[in-house]
């Protein structure tokens, strides 16, 4: 009997438990694991994370270690600690079972498929019921003129313990005079023709902080008209409390919430005249200017859905402040924070053409991936992979031949039984099934021909170099870039541009992501050591493990 290597998983969510529950859960899980003969117990946990999401570092690391064979017993307090989503809990169980690991909970004991189905359904019903009750409570607050969410800039929460009925009082707000003065100033300056960018820059050069204690940005001011986001679109400033304008749906692939607009008839609006900051003429003047402008409002959603025009659009970042690098002129890109929020936030005013950054990446691909040493490595790896596939094909063919022989022996037994006097009726169905299986195996064996010996094409090295050159050429050409660009973009996390007087153009270019790891490996095969030209860094990414991420171009 193999030794039991256990893992304890614990989780708490902010709405249900406190941080102290994690060690409590681990303590109970450890005791159960030891009682089941565990020789080691590793601990994994996620704090203040909803059970409706799979994007949890602790859970991802647990599944990764189970897959690697480090763990063969997982212990949790209850199934809802792993997940409250029915599909997610089934997926986790399948992964554990495939890796040969058992799942035990202190509430339900050893988990089987039946419990997964039953408990998963119950957890899904719990989440839906909780969501319905929460929405009902929030809608009740709105009808009473109270807050159902965060307190917007310009207001502060009113702290009262109980109302006149003795119930806890939450969601009341009042105008914050100092912040309201800034809100009024923003509306007036915008109505007079100032741009959101200019307004944000002036505010950042003065004492005080913006919403949520950060710097002012132009998007904080103009927002999105349809979604009602941004200072200029908040109806609360004219005494109207609007709720249920949009809903959020979890993306099953990323676990992130995506906003979806609700039909206007589902919106809930309540008049709260005591919270009005902006008079109607000023509000109307701002709305008239927004309507006449093609930048704010509707254009933002369309812009987000456009296919990137350049290979690195949306991937460039400022190394000085972490902000994005966006278009600041017809052909040049610069730090968005430095231009939209002012030099008090970022002093990086250096710009660069997108072509210059793309050429650096393409040159890196061509230089490092087409080296003769790397071509030799490619041929060696190709041969190794081809031999592995050949062995698998041979094993599969042998298995089908063994199964065919077994079916034919079974058919022979049926015939012998009938010859010895057994009634043919009860054997008719098994014989038909065996005959059908025989035909299926014969067809499969005929399709799976004996694999040919592995032969390397004499021009394989040239073929490889041509393929790399074609890829670089496709990336550089506008009409041919489509699929190739999307593939490369998927391998890039960020391209960081940092002011550096020693670098060409005054900006140092660092590539981050899987492509950086590929180039780093290629450089190692070429015999280049570490140093200023190659930074070897390691980061832990939930669900993927350790990977090299930074490469100096």
Protein backbone atom coordinates (compact mmCIF):
# COMPACT_ATOMS: atom_id res chain seq x y z
CA UNK A 1 0.00 0.00 0.00
CA UNK A 2 1.42 3.39 -1.06
CA UNK A 3 1.95 6.04 1.58
CA UNK A 4 -0.75 8.67 2.04
CA UNK A 5 0.38 12.20 1.20
CA UNK A 6 -2.44 14.51 2.21
CA UNK A 7 -3.34 18.12 1.58
CA UNK A 8 -5.62 20.30 3.66
CA UNK A 9 -7.56 22.98 1.80
CA UNK A 10 -9.27 25.86 3.63
CA UNK A 11 -11.18 28.92 2.45
CA UNK A 12 -13.18 31.72 3.97
CA UNK A 13 -15.30 34.37 2.27
CA UNK A 14 -15.68 37.86 3.70
CA UNK A 15 -19.45 37.67 3.87
CA UNK A 16 -19.54 34.44 5.86
CA UNK A 17 -16.44 33.95 7.98
CA UNK A 18 -13.34 35.58 9.42
CA UNK A 19 -9.65 35.05 8.78
CA UNK A 20 -9.40 33.02 11.99
CA UNK A 21 -11.47 30.25 10.39
CA UNK A 22 -8.58 29.19 8.13
CA UNK A 23 -6.32 27.77 10.89
CA UNK A 24 -9.44 26.24 12.48
CA UNK A 25 -10.24 24.44 9.22
CA UNK A 26 -6.64 23.27 8.77
CA UNK A 27 -6.56 21.95 12.34
CA UNK A 28 -9.61 19.76 11.80
CA UNK A 29 -8.48 18.67 8.33
CA UNK A 30 -5.03 17.68 9.61
CA UNK A 31 -6.55 15.53 12.36
CA UNK A 32 -8.73 13.70 9.82
CA UNK A 33 -5.79 13.18 7.43
CA UNK A 34 -3.61 11.71 10.20
CA UNK A 35 -6.46 9.45 11.26
CA UNK A 36 -6.51 8.11 7.69
CA UNK A 37 -2.81 7.29 7.84
CA UNK A 38 -1.29 10.37 6.21
CA UNK A 39 2.51 10.62 6.58
CA UNK A 40 2.50 14.29 5.53
CA UNK A 41 -0.12 17.04 5.36
CA UNK A 42 0.44 20.11 3.16
CA UNK A 43 -1.73 23.19 3.60
CA UNK A 44 -3.39 25.29 0.89
CA UNK A 45 -5.82 28.11 1.52
CA UNK A 46 -7.56 31.12 -0.01
CA UNK A 47 -8.60 34.03 2.16
CA UNK A 48 -11.49 36.39 1.47
CA UNK A 49 -12.30 34.69 -1.87
CA UNK A 50 -15.75 33.65 -3.05
CA UNK A 51 -16.44 29.96 -3.59
CA UNK A 52 -18.17 30.86 -6.87
CA UNK A 53 -14.81 31.52 -8.56
CA UNK A 54 -12.13 29.08 -9.69
CA UNK A 55 -9.52 31.83 -9.97
CA UNK A 56 -7.96 31.14 -6.56
CA UNK A 57 -4.19 30.72 -6.15
CA UNK A 58 -4.50 28.24 -3.28
CA UNK A 59 -6.91 25.98 -5.15
CA UNK A 60 -4.95 26.23 -8.39
CA UNK A 61 -1.71 25.27 -6.62
CA UNK A 62 -3.45 22.35 -4.92
CA UNK A 63 -4.76 20.95 -8.23
CA UNK A 64 -1.33 21.44 -9.81
CA UNK A 65 0.43 19.46 -7.04
CA UNK A 66 -2.17 16.68 -7.20
CA UNK A 67 -1.60 16.44 -10.95
CA UNK A 68 2.16 16.25 -10.33
CA UNK A 69 1.66 13.25 -8.03
CA UNK A 70 2.72 15.04 -4.84
CA UNK A 71 -0.67 14.49 -3.16
CA UNK A 72 -3.05 11.52 -3.17
CA UNK A 73 -5.55 12.59 -0.48
CA UNK A 74 -7.34 15.96 -0.28
CA UNK A 75 -9.14 16.88 2.94
CA UNK A 76 -11.58 19.79 3.30
CA UNK A 77 -14.13 20.80 5.88
CA UNK A 78 -17.00 20.51 3.39
CA UNK A 79 -17.46 20.49 -0.38
CA UNK A 80 -18.55 24.12 -0.42
CA UNK A 81 -15.04 25.08 0.75
CA UNK A 82 -13.72 23.80 -2.60
CA UNK A 83 -16.43 25.46 -4.68
CA UNK A 84 -20.08 26.46 -4.67
CA UNK A 85 -20.40 26.13 -8.45
CA UNK A 86 -21.87 22.82 -9.58
CA UNK A 87 -19.76 22.56 -12.75
CA UNK A 88 -16.57 23.63 -10.95
CA UNK A 89 -16.90 21.12 -8.11
CA UNK A 90 -17.48 18.34 -10.67
CA UNK A 91 -14.42 19.47 -12.65
CA UNK A 92 -12.23 19.49 -9.51
CA UNK A 93 -13.42 16.00 -8.57
CA UNK A 94 -12.69 14.67 -12.07
CA UNK A 95 -9.17 16.11 -11.96
CA UNK A 96 -8.48 14.56 -8.55
CA UNK A 97 -9.89 11.21 -9.60
CA UNK A 98 -7.87 11.18 -12.84
CA UNK A 99 -4.69 11.82 -10.82
CA UNK A 100 -5.55 8.96 -8.46
CA UNK A 101 -6.28 11.20 -5.47
CA UNK A 102 -9.18 10.72 -3.06
CA UNK A 103 -11.35 13.53 -1.72
CA UNK A 104 -12.55 13.42 1.90
CA UNK A 105 -14.55 16.02 3.82
CA UNK A 106 -15.19 16.21 7.54
CA UNK A 107 -18.91 16.73 6.86
CA UNK A 108 -19.60 14.11 4.19
CA UNK A 109 -16.75 11.59 4.50
CA UNK A 110 -15.26 9.95 1.39
CA UNK A 111 -16.72 11.70 -1.65
CA UNK A 112 -18.23 9.83 -4.60
CA UNK A 113 -19.93 10.89 -7.85
CA UNK A 114 -23.37 10.76 -6.23
CA UNK A 115 -22.38 13.20 -3.48
CA UNK A 116 -20.76 15.50 -6.05
CA UNK A 117 -24.03 15.68 -7.98
CA UNK A 118 -26.24 16.16 -4.93
CA UNK A 119 -24.04 18.65 -3.05
CA UNK A 120 -23.21 20.54 -6.24
CA UNK A 121 -26.91 21.05 -6.91
CA UNK A 122 -27.52 22.18 -3.33
CA UNK A 123 -24.61 24.66 -3.46
CA UNK A 124 -25.83 26.07 -6.78
CA UNK A 125 -29.31 26.54 -5.31
CA UNK A 126 -27.77 28.23 -2.26
CA UNK A 127 -25.91 30.72 -4.45
CA UNK A 128 -29.02 31.54 -6.50
CA UNK A 129 -31.14 31.95 -3.39
CA UNK A 130 -28.50 34.15 -1.78
CA UNK A 131 -28.27 36.31 -4.92
CA UNK A 132 -32.07 36.71 -5.08
CA UNK A 133 -32.28 37.71 -1.42
CA UNK A 134 -29.39 40.15 -1.79
CA UNK A 135 -31.00 41.82 -4.82
CA UNK A 136 -34.33 42.05 -3.01
CA UNK A 137 -32.64 43.73 -0.07
CA UNK A 138 -30.72 46.16 -2.29
CA UNK A 139 -33.86 47.11 -4.22
CA UNK A 140 -35.61 47.82 -0.93
CA UNK A 141 -32.82 50.20 0.03
CA UNK A 142 -33.11 52.03 -3.30
CA UNK A 143 -36.86 52.56 -2.88
CA UNK A 144 -36.11 54.09 0.52
CA UNK A 145 -33.58 56.47 -1.07
CA UNK A 146 -30.58 54.78 0.53
CA UNK A 147 -27.31 53.53 -0.99
CA UNK A 148 -27.07 50.02 -2.44
CA UNK A 149 -23.35 50.14 -3.09
CA UNK A 150 -20.28 52.34 -2.79
CA UNK A 151 -20.55 55.96 -1.76
CA UNK A 152 -19.78 58.16 -4.83
CA UNK A 153 -17.32 61.05 -4.77
CA UNK A 154 -19.10 64.08 -3.34
CA UNK A 155 -20.87 62.21 -0.55
CA UNK A 156 -20.08 60.50 2.74
CA UNK A 157 -21.82 57.75 4.64
CA UNK A 158 -24.06 58.66 7.57
CA UNK A 159 -23.27 56.47 10.57
CA UNK A 160 -26.38 55.57 12.58
CA UNK A 161 -26.74 52.44 14.62
CA UNK A 162 -30.54 51.97 14.53
CA UNK A 163 -33.55 53.58 12.84
CA UNK A 164 -36.84 54.48 14.55
CA UNK A 165 -37.98 50.85 14.25
CA UNK A 166 -34.89 49.57 16.07
CA UNK A 167 -33.41 48.02 12.92
CA UNK A 168 -29.75 48.49 11.89
CA UNK A 169 -29.52 51.57 9.68
CA UNK A 170 -27.30 51.30 6.61
CA UNK A 171 -26.93 53.04 3.27
CA UNK A 172 -27.71 56.65 4.24
CA UNK A 173 -25.55 59.37 2.71
CA UNK A 174 -25.07 63.10 2.92
CA UNK A 175 -23.24 65.65 0.81
CA UNK A 176 -19.53 66.15 1.52
CA UNK A 177 -19.14 69.91 1.04
CA UNK A 178 -15.44 69.84 0.04
CA UNK A 179 -15.85 67.04 -2.48
CA UNK A 180 -19.11 68.52 -3.80
CA UNK A 181 -17.21 71.74 -4.57
CA UNK A 182 -14.82 69.72 -6.76
CA UNK A 183 -17.72 67.95 -8.51
CA UNK A 184 -19.33 71.31 -9.28
CA UNK A 185 -16.00 72.62 -10.61
CA UNK A 186 -15.60 69.60 -12.92
CA UNK A 187 -19.07 70.12 -14.40
CA UNK A 188 -18.53 73.84 -14.93
CA UNK A 189 -15.09 73.48 -16.53
CA UNK A 190 -16.31 70.74 -18.85
CA UNK A 191 -19.39 72.78 -19.87
CA UNK A 192 -17.07 75.71 -20.61
CA UNK A 193 -15.02 73.61 -23.04
CA UNK A 194 -12.21 72.08 -20.95
CA UNK A 195 -11.29 68.48 -21.81
CA UNK A 196 -11.45 65.70 -19.16
CA UNK A 197 -7.69 65.27 -19.62
CA UNK A 198 -7.00 68.96 -18.83
CA UNK A 199 -9.36 68.91 -15.85
CA UNK A 200 -7.71 65.79 -14.41
CA UNK A 201 -4.23 67.25 -14.88
CA UNK A 202 -5.15 70.46 -13.03
CA UNK A 203 -6.74 68.51 -10.17
CA UNK A 204 -3.66 66.31 -9.80
CA UNK A 205 -1.42 69.38 -9.53
CA UNK A 206 -3.42 70.62 -6.54
CA UNK A 207 -3.64 69.24 -2.98
CA UNK A 208 -6.19 66.52 -2.37
CA UNK A 209 -7.00 63.11 -3.82
CA UNK A 210 -9.49 61.77 -6.30
CA UNK A 211 -12.10 59.03 -5.87
CA UNK A 212 -10.84 56.05 -3.84
CA UNK A 213 -7.83 58.05 -2.71
CA UNK A 214 -5.97 57.83 -6.03
CA UNK A 215 -5.02 60.25 -8.78
CA UNK A 216 -7.52 61.79 -11.17
CA UNK A 217 -7.71 60.34 -14.68
CA UNK A 218 -9.69 61.55 -17.68
CA UNK A 219 -11.72 58.30 -17.71
CA UNK A 220 -12.67 58.95 -14.07
CA UNK A 221 -14.29 62.16 -15.28
CA UNK A 222 -15.88 61.27 -18.64
CA UNK A 223 -16.61 57.56 -17.94
CA UNK A 224 -19.20 55.88 -20.13
CA UNK A 225 -22.56 57.54 -20.77
CA UNK A 226 -24.48 54.34 -21.45
CA UNK A 227 -23.26 52.61 -18.29
CA UNK A 228 -23.62 55.75 -16.17
CA UNK A 229 -20.00 55.63 -15.02
CA UNK A 230 -17.73 58.63 -14.47
CA UNK A 231 -18.30 61.91 -12.64
CA UNK A 232 -20.12 63.53 -15.59
CA UNK A 233 -22.69 60.69 -15.87
CA UNK A 234 -23.75 60.12 -12.26
CA UNK A 235 -27.46 61.04 -11.94
CA UNK A 236 -27.11 61.18 -8.17
CA UNK A 237 -25.58 64.64 -8.65
CA UNK A 238 -29.03 65.82 -9.87
CA UNK A 239 -30.90 64.00 -7.11
CA UNK A 240 -31.77 60.77 -8.95
CA UNK A 241 -30.73 57.40 -7.56
CA UNK A 242 -30.56 54.86 -10.42
CA UNK A 243 -30.09 51.16 -9.72
CA UNK A 244 -30.02 47.95 -11.78
CA UNK A 245 -28.65 49.70 -14.84
CA UNK A 246 -26.36 46.71 -15.46
CA UNK A 247 -25.73 43.18 -14.25
CA UNK A 248 -22.53 41.17 -13.98
CA UNK A 249 -21.98 37.70 -15.43
CA UNK A 250 -18.95 35.54 -14.66
CA UNK A 251 -16.84 34.54 -17.64
CA UNK A 252 -16.48 30.72 -17.33
CA UNK A 253 -12.99 30.82 -18.87
CA UNK A 254 -11.38 33.61 -16.83
CA UNK A 255 -13.61 33.74 -13.73
CA UNK A 256 -13.83 37.52 -14.15
CA UNK A 257 -17.13 39.36 -14.04
CA UNK A 258 -18.36 40.98 -17.26
CA UNK A 259 -20.88 43.85 -17.24
CA UNK A 260 -24.07 43.55 -19.29
CA UNK A 261 -26.60 46.35 -19.70
CA UNK A 262 -30.15 45.66 -18.48
CA UNK A 263 -33.20 46.86 -20.46
CA UNK A 264 -34.19 50.41 -19.43
CA UNK A 265 -37.57 49.19 -18.16
CA UNK A 266 -35.75 47.17 -15.49
CA UNK A 267 -33.93 50.19 -14.08
CA UNK A 268 -35.07 51.39 -10.66
CA UNK A 269 -35.03 55.19 -10.16
CA UNK A 270 -35.75 57.03 -6.91
CA UNK A 271 -35.81 60.81 -6.39
CA UNK A 272 -33.46 62.03 -3.64
CA UNK A 273 -33.56 65.85 -3.98
CA UNK A 274 -31.66 66.36 -0.71
CA UNK A 275 -28.55 64.86 -2.38
CA UNK A 276 -28.58 67.15 -5.44
CA UNK A 277 -25.29 68.95 -6.19
CA UNK A 278 -25.65 70.04 -9.86
CA UNK A 279 -28.53 72.24 -11.06
CA UNK A 280 -30.49 71.21 -14.14
CA UNK A 281 -29.17 73.84 -16.61
CA UNK A 282 -25.55 72.86 -15.91
CA UNK A 283 -26.38 69.14 -16.22
CA UNK A 284 -28.15 69.76 -19.54
CA UNK A 285 -25.18 71.77 -20.84
CA UNK A 286 -22.81 68.89 -20.03
CA UNK A 287 -25.10 66.32 -21.67
CA UNK A 288 -25.36 68.50 -24.81
CA UNK A 289 -21.57 68.68 -25.12
CA UNK A 290 -21.20 64.93 -24.54
CA UNK A 291 -23.75 64.22 -27.25
CA UNK A 292 -21.90 66.42 -29.70
CA UNK A 293 -18.59 64.67 -28.94
CA UNK A 294 -17.61 61.38 -30.54
CA UNK A 295 -14.99 60.55 -27.89
CA UNK A 296 -16.97 60.08 -24.71
CA UNK A 297 -19.82 57.66 -24.24
CA UNK A 298 -20.75 55.21 -26.94
CA UNK A 299 -17.39 55.15 -28.73
CA UNK A 300 -15.65 53.53 -25.75
CA UNK A 301 -17.49 50.22 -26.03
CA UNK A 302 -16.86 50.05 -29.79
CA UNK A 303 -13.15 50.83 -29.26
CA UNK A 304 -12.81 47.95 -26.79
CA UNK A 305 -14.20 45.49 -29.32
CA UNK A 306 -11.96 46.52 -32.22
CA UNK A 307 -9.20 44.19 -33.31
CA UNK A 308 -5.83 45.72 -32.33
CA UNK A 309 -4.37 47.62 -35.29
CA UNK A 310 -0.78 46.98 -34.21
CA UNK A 311 0.88 43.81 -32.95
CA UNK A 312 1.53 45.32 -29.50
CA UNK A 313 -1.50 47.60 -29.11
CA UNK A 314 -2.73 47.48 -25.51
CA UNK A 315 0.31 45.47 -24.34
CA UNK A 316 2.80 48.32 -23.82
CA UNK A 317 3.28 49.64 -20.28
CA UNK A 318 5.31 52.39 -18.63
CA UNK A 319 8.18 51.07 -16.50
CA UNK A 320 8.18 54.24 -14.39
CA UNK A 321 4.59 54.21 -13.11
CA UNK A 322 3.01 50.98 -14.43
CA UNK A 323 0.45 52.84 -16.53
CA UNK A 324 -0.34 51.99 -20.14
CA UNK A 325 1.46 53.31 -23.20
CA UNK A 326 -1.16 54.67 -25.60
CA UNK A 327 -1.25 56.70 -28.79
CA UNK A 328 -0.30 60.35 -28.18
CA UNK A 329 0.36 61.36 -31.79
CA UNK A 330 -0.26 60.00 -35.27
CA UNK A 331 2.59 57.49 -35.06
CA UNK A 332 3.93 57.76 -31.51
CA UNK A 333 3.00 56.18 -28.19
CA UNK A 334 3.58 57.61 -24.72
CA UNK A 335 2.73 57.06 -21.05
CA UNK A 336 -1.00 57.58 -20.51
CA UNK A 337 -0.60 58.55 -16.86
CA UNK A 338 1.97 61.25 -17.63
CA UNK A 339 -0.40 62.82 -20.16
CA UNK A 340 -3.80 62.24 -18.58
CA UNK A 341 -2.95 62.63 -14.90
CA UNK A 342 -0.04 65.06 -14.98
CA UNK A 343 3.65 64.97 -14.11
CA UNK A 344 2.82 64.71 -10.40
CA UNK A 345 1.79 61.10 -11.14
CA UNK A 346 4.45 60.21 -13.75
CA UNK A 347 7.33 62.21 -15.25
CA UNK A 348 7.98 59.85 -18.15
CA UNK A 349 7.36 62.03 -21.21
CA UNK A 350 9.40 59.91 -23.63
CA UNK A 351 7.58 58.61 -26.68
CA UNK A 352 8.30 55.86 -29.18
CA UNK A 353 6.81 54.65 -32.43
CA UNK A 354 4.94 51.37 -32.30
CA UNK A 355 6.98 50.22 -35.30
CA UNK A 356 10.19 50.62 -33.30
CA UNK A 357 8.90 48.36 -30.52
CA UNK A 358 7.48 45.81 -32.96
CA UNK A 359 10.74 45.72 -34.93
CA UNK A 360 12.63 45.00 -31.69
CA UNK A 361 10.34 42.03 -30.97
CA UNK A 362 10.49 40.72 -34.56
CA UNK A 363 14.26 41.12 -34.64
CA UNK A 364 14.49 39.15 -31.38
CA UNK A 365 12.37 36.35 -32.88
CA UNK A 366 14.40 36.19 -36.06
CA UNK A 367 17.82 36.49 -34.44
CA UNK A 368 17.29 33.99 -31.62
CA UNK A 369 14.98 31.43 -33.23
CA UNK A 370 16.92 31.07 -36.48
CA UNK A 371 20.34 30.43 -34.96
CA UNK A 372 22.01 27.19 -36.29
CA UNK A 373 22.40 25.86 -32.74
CA UNK A 374 18.66 26.20 -32.15
CA UNK A 375 17.82 24.52 -35.47
CA UNK A 376 19.82 21.49 -34.30
CA UNK A 377 17.88 21.47 -31.04
CA UNK A 378 14.61 21.66 -32.99
CA UNK A 379 15.54 18.67 -35.13
CA UNK A 380 16.53 16.67 -32.06
CA UNK A 381 13.27 17.51 -30.26
CA UNK A 382 11.24 16.78 -33.38
CA UNK A 383 12.77 13.33 -33.66
CA UNK A 384 12.16 12.64 -29.96
CA UNK A 385 8.50 13.69 -30.23
CA UNK A 386 7.99 11.73 -33.44
CA UNK A 387 9.39 8.59 -31.80
CA UNK A 388 7.10 9.09 -28.82
CA UNK A 389 4.05 9.35 -31.11
CA UNK A 390 5.25 6.27 -32.99
CA UNK A 391 5.48 4.27 -29.75
CA UNK A 392 1.99 5.38 -28.76
CA UNK A 393 0.61 4.41 -32.17
CA UNK A 394 2.24 0.97 -31.97
CA UNK A 395 0.90 0.43 -28.46
CA UNK A 396 -2.61 1.43 -29.55
CA UNK A 397 -2.48 -0.92 -32.55
CA UNK A 398 -1.30 -3.81 -30.35
CA UNK A 399 -4.12 -3.14 -27.88
CA UNK A 400 -6.72 -3.26 -30.66
CA UNK A 401 -5.30 -6.58 -31.98
CA UNK A 402 -5.45 -8.08 -28.47
CA UNK A 403 -9.06 -6.88 -28.10
CA UNK A 404 -9.96 -8.38 -31.50
CA UNK A 405 -8.55 -11.75 -30.50
CA UNK A 406 -10.55 -11.63 -27.26
CA UNK A 407 -13.81 -10.88 -29.13
CA UNK A 408 -13.20 -13.76 -31.56
CA UNK A 409 -12.59 -16.17 -28.66
CA UNK A 410 -15.89 -15.01 -27.15
CA UNK A 411 -17.67 -15.63 -30.47
CA UNK A 412 -16.18 -19.12 -30.61
CA UNK A 413 -17.55 -19.86 -27.12
CA UNK A 414 -21.05 -18.76 -28.18
CA UNK A 415 -20.93 -21.06 -31.23
CA UNK A 416 -19.64 -23.98 -29.14
CA UNK A 417 -22.44 -23.47 -26.59
CA UNK A 418 -25.13 -23.58 -29.30
CA UNK A 419 -23.48 -26.66 -30.82
CA UNK A 420 -23.66 -28.34 -27.40
CA UNK A 421 -27.41 -27.74 -27.21
CA UNK A 422 -27.77 -24.35 -25.50
CA UNK A 423 -30.88 -22.37 -26.66
CA UNK A 424 -29.92 -19.80 -29.32
CA UNK A 425 -32.47 -17.15 -28.20
CA UNK A 426 -30.69 -15.82 -25.07
CA UNK A 427 -27.36 -15.79 -26.94
CA UNK A 428 -28.62 -13.82 -29.94
CA UNK A 429 -28.06 -10.34 -28.42
CA UNK A 430 -24.55 -11.06 -27.00
CA UNK A 431 -23.54 -12.58 -30.35
CA UNK A 432 -24.78 -9.51 -32.24
CA UNK A 433 -22.88 -7.23 -29.86
CA UNK A 434 -19.69 -9.25 -30.29
CA UNK A 435 -20.05 -9.18 -34.08
CA UNK A 436 -20.51 -5.39 -34.05
CA UNK A 437 -17.42 -4.98 -31.84
CA UNK A 438 -15.42 -7.22 -34.19
CA UNK A 439 -16.33 -5.04 -37.19
CA UNK A 440 -15.43 -1.87 -35.27
CA UNK A 441 -12.01 -3.24 -34.32
CA UNK A 442 -11.30 -4.47 -37.86
CA UNK A 443 -12.10 -1.01 -39.24
CA UNK A 444 -9.96 0.70 -36.60
CA UNK A 445 -7.03 -1.65 -37.23
CA UNK A 446 -7.33 -1.07 -40.98
CA UNK A 447 -7.24 2.69 -40.46
CA UNK A 448 -4.29 2.49 -38.04
CA UNK A 449 -1.59 1.29 -40.37
CA UNK A 450 1.81 0.23 -39.14
CA UNK A 451 3.78 3.45 -38.52
CA UNK A 452 6.56 4.11 -40.98
CA UNK A 453 10.13 4.38 -39.73
CA UNK A 454 11.05 7.94 -38.74
CA UNK A 455 12.99 9.63 -41.51
CA UNK A 456 14.29 13.18 -41.17
CA UNK A 457 13.86 15.28 -44.29
CA UNK A 458 17.34 16.26 -45.55
CA UNK A 459 16.20 19.87 -45.75
CA UNK A 460 14.55 19.99 -42.31
CA UNK A 461 16.90 22.71 -41.04
CA UNK A 462 16.10 24.86 -44.06
CA UNK A 463 12.37 24.16 -43.65
CA UNK A 464 12.51 25.27 -40.01
CA UNK A 465 14.37 28.47 -40.88
CA UNK A 466 11.89 29.22 -43.67
CA UNK A 467 8.93 28.72 -41.33
CA UNK A 468 10.39 31.14 -38.79
CA UNK A 469 11.09 33.67 -41.54
CA UNK A 470 7.53 33.29 -42.86
CA UNK A 471 6.17 33.90 -39.35
CA UNK A 472 8.22 37.08 -38.94
CA UNK A 473 7.17 38.23 -42.42
CA UNK A 474 3.48 37.54 -41.68
CA UNK A 475 3.69 39.54 -38.45
CA UNK A 476 5.25 42.49 -40.28
CA UNK A 477 2.68 42.63 -43.09
CA UNK A 478 -0.67 44.31 -42.47
CA UNK A 479 -2.74 42.10 -44.80
CA UNK A 480 -1.29 38.79 -43.68
CA UNK A 481 -0.97 39.33 -39.94
CA UNK A 482 -4.35 38.12 -38.55
CA UNK A 483 -3.87 34.67 -37.03
CA UNK A 484 -0.11 35.03 -36.56
CA UNK A 485 -0.51 38.25 -34.58
CA UNK A 486 -3.17 36.78 -32.31
CA UNK A 487 -0.93 33.79 -31.59
CA UNK A 488 2.04 36.01 -30.70
CA UNK A 489 -0.10 38.42 -28.64
CA UNK A 490 -1.31 35.45 -26.60
CA UNK A 491 2.32 34.77 -25.59
CA UNK A 492 2.99 38.34 -24.41
CA UNK A 493 1.94 39.69 -21.00
CA UNK A 494 3.48 43.15 -21.32
CA UNK A 495 6.12 45.13 -23.15
CA UNK A 496 7.60 47.44 -20.50
CA UNK A 497 9.14 50.73 -21.68
CA UNK A 498 11.42 52.28 -19.05
CA UNK A 499 13.29 55.61 -19.40
CA UNK A 500 17.00 54.83 -19.78
CA UNK A 501 19.57 57.30 -21.04
CA UNK A 502 21.85 54.45 -22.17
CA UNK A 503 19.20 52.76 -24.34
CA UNK A 504 18.48 53.57 -27.96
CA UNK A 505 15.75 56.21 -28.14
CA UNK A 506 15.99 56.76 -24.39
CA UNK A 507 13.72 53.81 -23.58
CA UNK A 508 14.69 50.31 -22.44
CA UNK A 509 12.38 47.59 -23.79
CA UNK A 510 11.62 44.53 -21.64
CA UNK A 511 9.39 41.73 -22.91
CA UNK A 512 7.31 39.82 -20.34
CA UNK A 513 5.35 36.59 -20.82
CA UNK A 514 5.74 33.16 -22.39
CA UNK A 515 7.42 34.58 -25.49
CA UNK A 516 10.11 36.03 -23.22
CA UNK A 517 10.64 32.52 -21.83
CA UNK A 518 10.96 31.09 -25.35
CA UNK A 519 13.54 33.69 -26.32
CA UNK A 520 15.41 33.15 -23.05
CA UNK A 521 15.59 29.40 -23.72
CA UNK A 522 16.75 30.08 -27.28
CA UNK A 523 19.46 32.38 -25.94
CA UNK A 524 20.61 29.71 -23.47
CA UNK A 525 20.90 27.18 -26.30
CA UNK A 526 23.08 29.69 -28.15
CA UNK A 527 25.43 29.74 -25.17
CA UNK A 528 24.72 33.29 -23.99
CA UNK A 529 24.99 33.73 -20.23
CA UNK A 530 23.17 36.10 -17.92
CA UNK A 531 23.91 39.78 -17.56
CA UNK A 532 22.54 43.08 -18.72
CA UNK A 533 21.24 41.60 -21.99
CA UNK A 534 19.21 38.88 -20.35
CA UNK A 535 17.29 39.22 -17.12
CA UNK A 536 16.18 35.93 -15.69
CA UNK A 537 13.21 36.51 -13.43
CA UNK A 538 10.65 34.08 -12.07
CA UNK A 539 7.08 34.71 -11.04
CA UNK A 540 4.30 32.49 -9.74
CA UNK A 541 1.14 32.65 -11.82
CA UNK A 542 -2.02 31.03 -10.42
CA UNK A 543 -2.69 27.86 -12.33
CA UNK A 544 0.50 27.85 -14.44
CA UNK A 545 3.36 27.55 -11.95
CA UNK A 546 6.83 29.03 -12.37
CA UNK A 547 7.83 30.49 -15.69
CA UNK A 548 10.58 32.83 -16.96
CA UNK A 549 8.94 36.10 -17.91
CA UNK A 550 11.38 38.92 -18.69
CA UNK A 551 13.67 39.27 -21.72
CA UNK A 552 15.67 42.39 -22.56
CA UNK A 553 15.27 43.30 -26.24
